[in-house]
PDB file of N, CA and C in Angstrom:
ATOM      1  N   MET A   1      46.154  38.111  74.028  1.00  0.00           N
ATOM      2  CA  MET A   1      47.323  37.301  73.922  1.00  0.00           C
ATOM      3  C   MET A   1      47.692  37.059  72.606  1.00  0.00           C
ATOM      4  N   THR A   2      48.984  37.082  72.294  1.00  0.00           N
ATOM      5  CA  THR A   2      49.589  36.969  70.904  1.00  0.00           C
ATOM      6  C   THR A   2      49.916  35.568  70.711  1.00  0.00           C
ATOM      7  N   GLU A   3      49.476  34.868  69.668  1.00  0.00           N
ATOM      8  CA  GLU A   3      49.842  33.621  69.423  1.00  0.00           C
ATOM      9  C   GLU A   3      51.077  33.402  68.654  1.00  0.00           C
ATOM     10  N   GLY A   4      51.881  32.453  68.984  1.00  0.00           N
ATOM     11  CA  GLY A   4      53.055  32.353  68.046  1.00  0.00           C
ATOM     12  C   GLY A   4      52.912  31.735  66.800  1.00  0.00           C
ATOM     13  N   ARG A   5      53.711  31.801  65.918  1.00  0.00           N
ATOM     14  CA  ARG A   5      53.538  31.273  64.546  1.00  0.00           C
ATOM     15  C   ARG A   5      53.468  29.764  64.634  1.00  0.00           C
ATOM     16  N   THR A   6      52.870  29.196  63.671  1.00  0.00           N
ATOM     17  CA  THR A   6      52.677  27.764  63.514  1.00  0.00           C
ATOM     18  C   THR A   6      53.740  27.122  62.775  1.00  0.00           C
ATOM     19  N   GLU A   7      53.962  25.875  62.941  1.00  0.00           N
ATOM     20  CA  GLU A   7      55.142  25.215  62.234  1.00  0.00           C
ATOM     21  C   GLU A   7      54.933  25.443  60.660  1.00  0.00           C
ATOM     22  N   LYS A   8      53.646  25.414  60.183  1.00  0.00           N
ATOM     23  CA  LYS A   8      53.287  25.615  58.764  1.00  0.00           C
ATOM     24  C   LYS A   8      53.731  27.046  58.302  1.00  0.00           C
ATOM     25  N   GLN A   9      53.496  28.027  59.297  1.00  0.00           N
ATOM     26  CA  GLN A   9      53.957  29.521  58.913  1.00  0.00           C
ATOM     27  C   GLN A   9      55.417  29.448  58.769  1.00  0.00           C
ATOM     28  N   VAL A  10      56.198  28.898  59.794  1.00  0.00           N
ATOM     29  CA  VAL A  10      57.657  28.990  59.808  1.00  0.00           C
ATOM     30  C   VAL A  10      58.129  28.241  58.461  1.00  0.00           C
ATOM     31  N   LEU A  11      57.557  27.147  58.109  1.00  0.00           N
ATOM     32  CA  LEU A  11      58.132  26.464  56.980  1.00  0.00           C
ATOM     33  C   LEU A  11      57.833  27.209  55.704  1.00  0.00           C
ATOM     34  N   GLU A  12      56.665  27.806  55.640  1.00  0.00           N
ATOM     35  CA  GLU A  12      56.346  28.590  54.430  1.00  0.00           C
ATOM     36  C   GLU A  12      57.260  29.852  54.305  1.00  0.00           C
ATOM     37  N   GLU A  13      57.808  30.294  55.413  1.00  0.00           N
ATOM     38  CA  GLU A  13      58.778  31.429  55.265  1.00  0.00           C
ATOM     39  C   GLU A  13      60.303  31.175  54.958  1.00  0.00           C
ATOM     40  N   LEU A  14      60.434  29.842  54.803  1.00  0.00           N
ATOM     41  CA  LEU A  14      61.886  29.387  54.551  1.00  0.00           C
ATOM     42  C   LEU A  14      62.216  29.710  53.019  1.00  0.00           C
ATOM     43  N   SER A  15      63.440  29.946  52.823  1.00  0.00           N
ATOM     44  CA  SER A  15      63.969  30.148  51.500  1.00  0.00           C
ATOM     45  C   SER A  15      64.163  28.748  50.944  1.00  0.00           C
ATOM     46  N   ASN A  16      64.375  28.705  49.627  1.00  0.00           N
ATOM     47  CA  ASN A  16      64.596  27.325  48.949  1.00  0.00           C
ATOM     48  C   ASN A  16      65.805  26.666  49.457  1.00  0.00           C
ATOM     49  N   GLU A  17      66.815  27.512  49.752  1.00  0.00           N
ATOM     50  CA  GLU A  17      68.116  27.068  50.315  1.00  0.00           C
ATOM     51  C   GLU A  17      67.922  26.498  51.901  1.00  0.00           C
ATOM     52  N   GLU A  18      67.142  27.151  52.548  1.00  0.00           N
ATOM     53  CA  GLU A  18      66.769  26.676  53.874  1.00  0.00           C
ATOM     54  C   GLU A  18      65.984  25.466  53.927  1.00  0.00           C
ATOM     55  N   ARG A  19      65.057  25.296  52.952  1.00  0.00           N
ATOM     56  CA  ARG A  19      64.120  24.071  52.843  1.00  0.00           C
ATOM     57  C   ARG A  19      65.033  22.924  52.525  1.00  0.00           C
ATOM     58  N   ALA A  20      65.977  23.109  51.674  1.00  0.00           N
ATOM     59  CA  ALA A  20      66.958  21.993  51.171  1.00  0.00           C
ATOM     60  C   ALA A  20      67.775  21.627  52.274  1.00  0.00           C
ATOM     61  N   LEU A  21      68.246  22.573  53.056  1.00  0.00           N
ATOM     62  CA  LEU A  21      68.922  22.234  54.416  1.00  0.00           C
ATOM     63  C   LEU A  21      68.126  21.485  55.322  1.00  0.00           C
ATOM     64  N   LEU A  22      66.994  21.923  55.527  1.00  0.00           N
ATOM     65  CA  LEU A  22      66.051  21.167  56.606  1.00  0.00           C
ATOM     66  C   LEU A  22      65.764  19.815  56.055  1.00  0.00           C
ATOM     67  N   LYS A  23      65.475  19.635  54.941  1.00  0.00           N
ATOM     68  CA  LYS A  23      65.241  18.354  54.261  1.00  0.00           C
ATOM     69  C   LYS A  23      66.446  17.313  54.547  1.00  0.00           C
ATOM     70  N   ARG A  24      67.561  17.962  54.203  1.00  0.00           N
ATOM     71  CA  ARG A  24      68.882  17.113  54.344  1.00  0.00           C
ATOM     72  C   ARG A  24      69.003  16.758  55.865  1.00  0.00           C
ATOM     73  N   VAL A  25      68.866  17.580  56.745  1.00  0.00           N
ATOM     74  CA  VAL A  25      69.026  17.434  58.118  1.00  0.00           C
ATOM     75  C   VAL A  25      68.049  16.342  58.633  1.00  0.00           C
ATOM     76  N   LEU A  26      66.710  16.328  58.108  1.00  0.00           N
ATOM     77  CA  LEU A  26      65.734  15.338  58.522  1.00  0.00           C
ATOM     78  C   LEU A  26      66.070  13.954  57.939  1.00  0.00           C
ATOM     79  N   GLU A  27      66.757  13.961  56.738  1.00  0.00           N
ATOM     80  CA  GLU A  27      67.077  12.686  56.168  1.00  0.00           C
ATOM     81  C   GLU A  27      68.215  12.110  56.979  1.00  0.00           C
ATOM     82  N   ILE A  28      69.100  12.907  57.421  1.00  0.00           N
ATOM     83  CA  ILE A  28      70.250  12.480  58.244  1.00  0.00           C
ATOM     84  C   ILE A  28      69.701  11.977  59.616  1.00  0.00           C
ATOM     85  N   GLU A  29      68.943  12.739  60.158  1.00  0.00           N
ATOM     86  CA  GLU A  29      68.292  12.310  61.516  1.00  0.00           C
ATOM     87  C   GLU A  29      67.571  11.017  61.363  1.00  0.00           C
ATOM     88  N   ARG A  30      66.791  10.837  60.226  1.00  0.00           N
ATOM     89  CA  ARG A  30      66.052   9.572  60.078  1.00  0.00           C
ATOM     90  C   ARG A  30      66.980   8.520  59.877  1.00  0.00           C
ATOM     91  N   ALA A  31      68.173   8.632  59.273  1.00  0.00           N
ATOM     92  CA  ALA A  31      69.160   7.524  59.163  1.00  0.00           C
ATOM     93  C   ALA A  31      69.679   7.210  60.542  1.00  0.00           C
ATOM     94  N   LYS A  32      70.037   8.375  61.329  1.00  0.00           N
ATOM     95  CA  LYS A  32      70.566   8.017  62.761  1.00  0.00           C
ATOM     96  C   LYS A  32      69.676   7.081  63.515  1.00  0.00           C
ATOM     97  N   LEU A  33      68.371   7.108  63.195  1.00  0.00           N
ATOM     98  CA  LEU A  33      67.422   6.200  64.112  1.00  0.00           C
ATOM     99  C   LEU A  33      67.772   4.764  64.001  1.00  0.00           C
ATOM    100  N   HIS A  34      68.299   4.441  62.695  1.00  0.00           N
ATOM    101  CA  HIS A  34      68.662   3.038  62.336  1.00  0.00           C
ATOM    102  C   HIS A  34      70.008   2.724  62.695  1.00  0.00           C
ATOM    103  N   LEU A  35      70.784   3.621  63.105  1.00  0.00           N
ATOM    104  CA  LEU A  35      72.312   3.278  63.242  1.00  0.00           C
ATOM    105  C   LEU A  35      72.635   4.029  64.547  1.00  0.00           C
ATOM    106  N   SER A  36      72.572   3.159  65.639  1.00  0.00           N
ATOM    107  CA  SER A  36      72.830   3.819  67.046  1.00  0.00           C
ATOM    108  C   SER A  36      74.263   4.356  67.170  1.00  0.00           C
ATOM    109  N   ALA A  37      75.196   3.866  66.505  1.00  0.00           N
ATOM    110  CA  ALA A  37      76.517   4.433  66.673  1.00  0.00           C
ATOM    111  C   ALA A  37      76.851   5.354  65.701  1.00  0.00           C
ATOM    112  N   TYR A  38      75.977   5.821  64.930  1.00  0.00           N
ATOM    113  CA  TYR A  38      76.269   6.709  63.690  1.00  0.00           C
ATOM    114  C   TYR A  38      76.564   8.190  64.258  1.00  0.00           C
ATOM    115  N   ASP A  39      77.642   8.708  63.786  1.00  0.00           N
ATOM    116  CA  ASP A  39      77.962  10.048  64.094  1.00  0.00           C
ATOM    117  C   ASP A  39      77.714  10.874  62.862  1.00  0.00           C
ATOM    118  N   ALA A  40      76.668  11.831  62.930  1.00  0.00           N
ATOM    119  CA  ALA A  40      76.332  12.596  61.787  1.00  0.00           C
ATOM    120  C   ALA A  40      76.959  13.864  61.631  1.00  0.00           C
ATOM    121  N   THR A  41      77.942  14.193  62.488  1.00  0.00           N
ATOM    122  CA  THR A  41      78.606  15.615  62.267  1.00  0.00           C
ATOM    123  C   THR A  41      79.222  15.816  61.087  1.00  0.00           C
ATOM    124  N   ASP A  42      79.893  14.847  60.378  1.00  0.00           N
ATOM    125  CA  ASP A  42      80.454  15.156  58.981  1.00  0.00           C
ATOM    126  C   ASP A  42      79.476  15.402  58.022  1.00  0.00           C
ATOM    127  N   ASP A  43      78.294  14.427  58.055  1.00  0.00           N
ATOM    128  CA  ASP A  43      77.214  14.550  57.057  1.00  0.00           C
ATOM    129  C   ASP A  43      76.590  15.839  57.192  1.00  0.00           C
ATOM    130  N   LEU A  44      76.284  16.255  58.452  1.00  0.00           N
ATOM    131  CA  LEU A  44      75.621  17.597  58.703  1.00  0.00           C
ATOM    132  C   LEU A  44      76.507  18.722  58.132  1.00  0.00           C
ATOM    133  N   LEU A  45      77.821  18.601  58.286  1.00  0.00           N
ATOM    134  CA  LEU A  45      78.651  19.780  57.765  1.00  0.00           C
ATOM    135  C   LEU A  45      78.797  19.647  56.192  1.00  0.00           C
ATOM    136  N   ASP A  46      78.734  18.594  55.593  1.00  0.00           N
ATOM    137  CA  ASP A  46      78.734  18.463  54.206  1.00  0.00           C
ATOM    138  C   ASP A  46      77.541  18.990  53.629  1.00  0.00           C
ATOM    139  N   ALA A  47      76.290  18.644  54.364  1.00  0.00           N
ATOM    140  CA  ALA A  47      75.006  19.265  53.771  1.00  0.00           C
ATOM    141  C   ALA A  47      75.100  20.742  53.880  1.00  0.00           C
ATOM    142  N   VAL A  48      75.567  21.273  54.908  1.00  0.00           N
ATOM    143  CA  VAL A  48      75.762  22.872  55.015  1.00  0.00           C
ATOM    144  C   VAL A  48      76.521  23.379  53.850  1.00  0.00           C
ATOM    145  N   ARG A  49      77.649  22.658  53.642  1.00  0.00           N
ATOM    146  CA  ARG A  49      78.587  23.093  52.636  1.00  0.00           C
ATOM    147  C   ARG A  49      77.905  23.096  51.218  1.00  0.00           C
ATOM    148  N   GLU A  50      77.192  22.091  50.978  1.00  0.00           N
ATOM    149  CA  GLU A  50      76.479  21.994  49.775  1.00  0.00           C
ATOM    150  C   GLU A  50      75.528  23.207  49.471  1.00  0.00           C
ATOM    151  N   ILE A  51      74.954  23.699  50.447  1.00  0.00           N
ATOM    152  CA  ILE A  51      74.021  24.760  50.252  1.00  0.00           C
ATOM    153  C   ILE A  51      74.606  26.074  50.245  1.00  0.00           C
ATOM    154  N   LEU A  52      75.562  26.344  51.344  1.00  0.00           N
ATOM    155  CA  LEU A  52      76.160  27.582  51.566  1.00  0.00           C
ATOM    156  C   LEU A  52      77.453  27.752  50.586  1.00  0.00           C
ATOM    157  N   PRO A  53      77.574  28.946  49.948  1.00  0.00           N
ATOM    158  CA  PRO A  53      78.632  29.132  49.090  1.00  0.00           C
ATOM    159  C   PRO A  53      80.014  29.107  49.872  1.00  0.00           C
TER     160      PRO A  53
END
């Protein structure tokens, strides 16, 4: 039986840009936990635009 990749393996394979995006998404998600009416769509799009040319 073939085992799937671990979370650590997946994270280690990310490029610097992908890691930066993941970090920003996690920051936004953490902020959402504190603001129930928060709509993160614009913040998520801004984070993607910062990383992608």
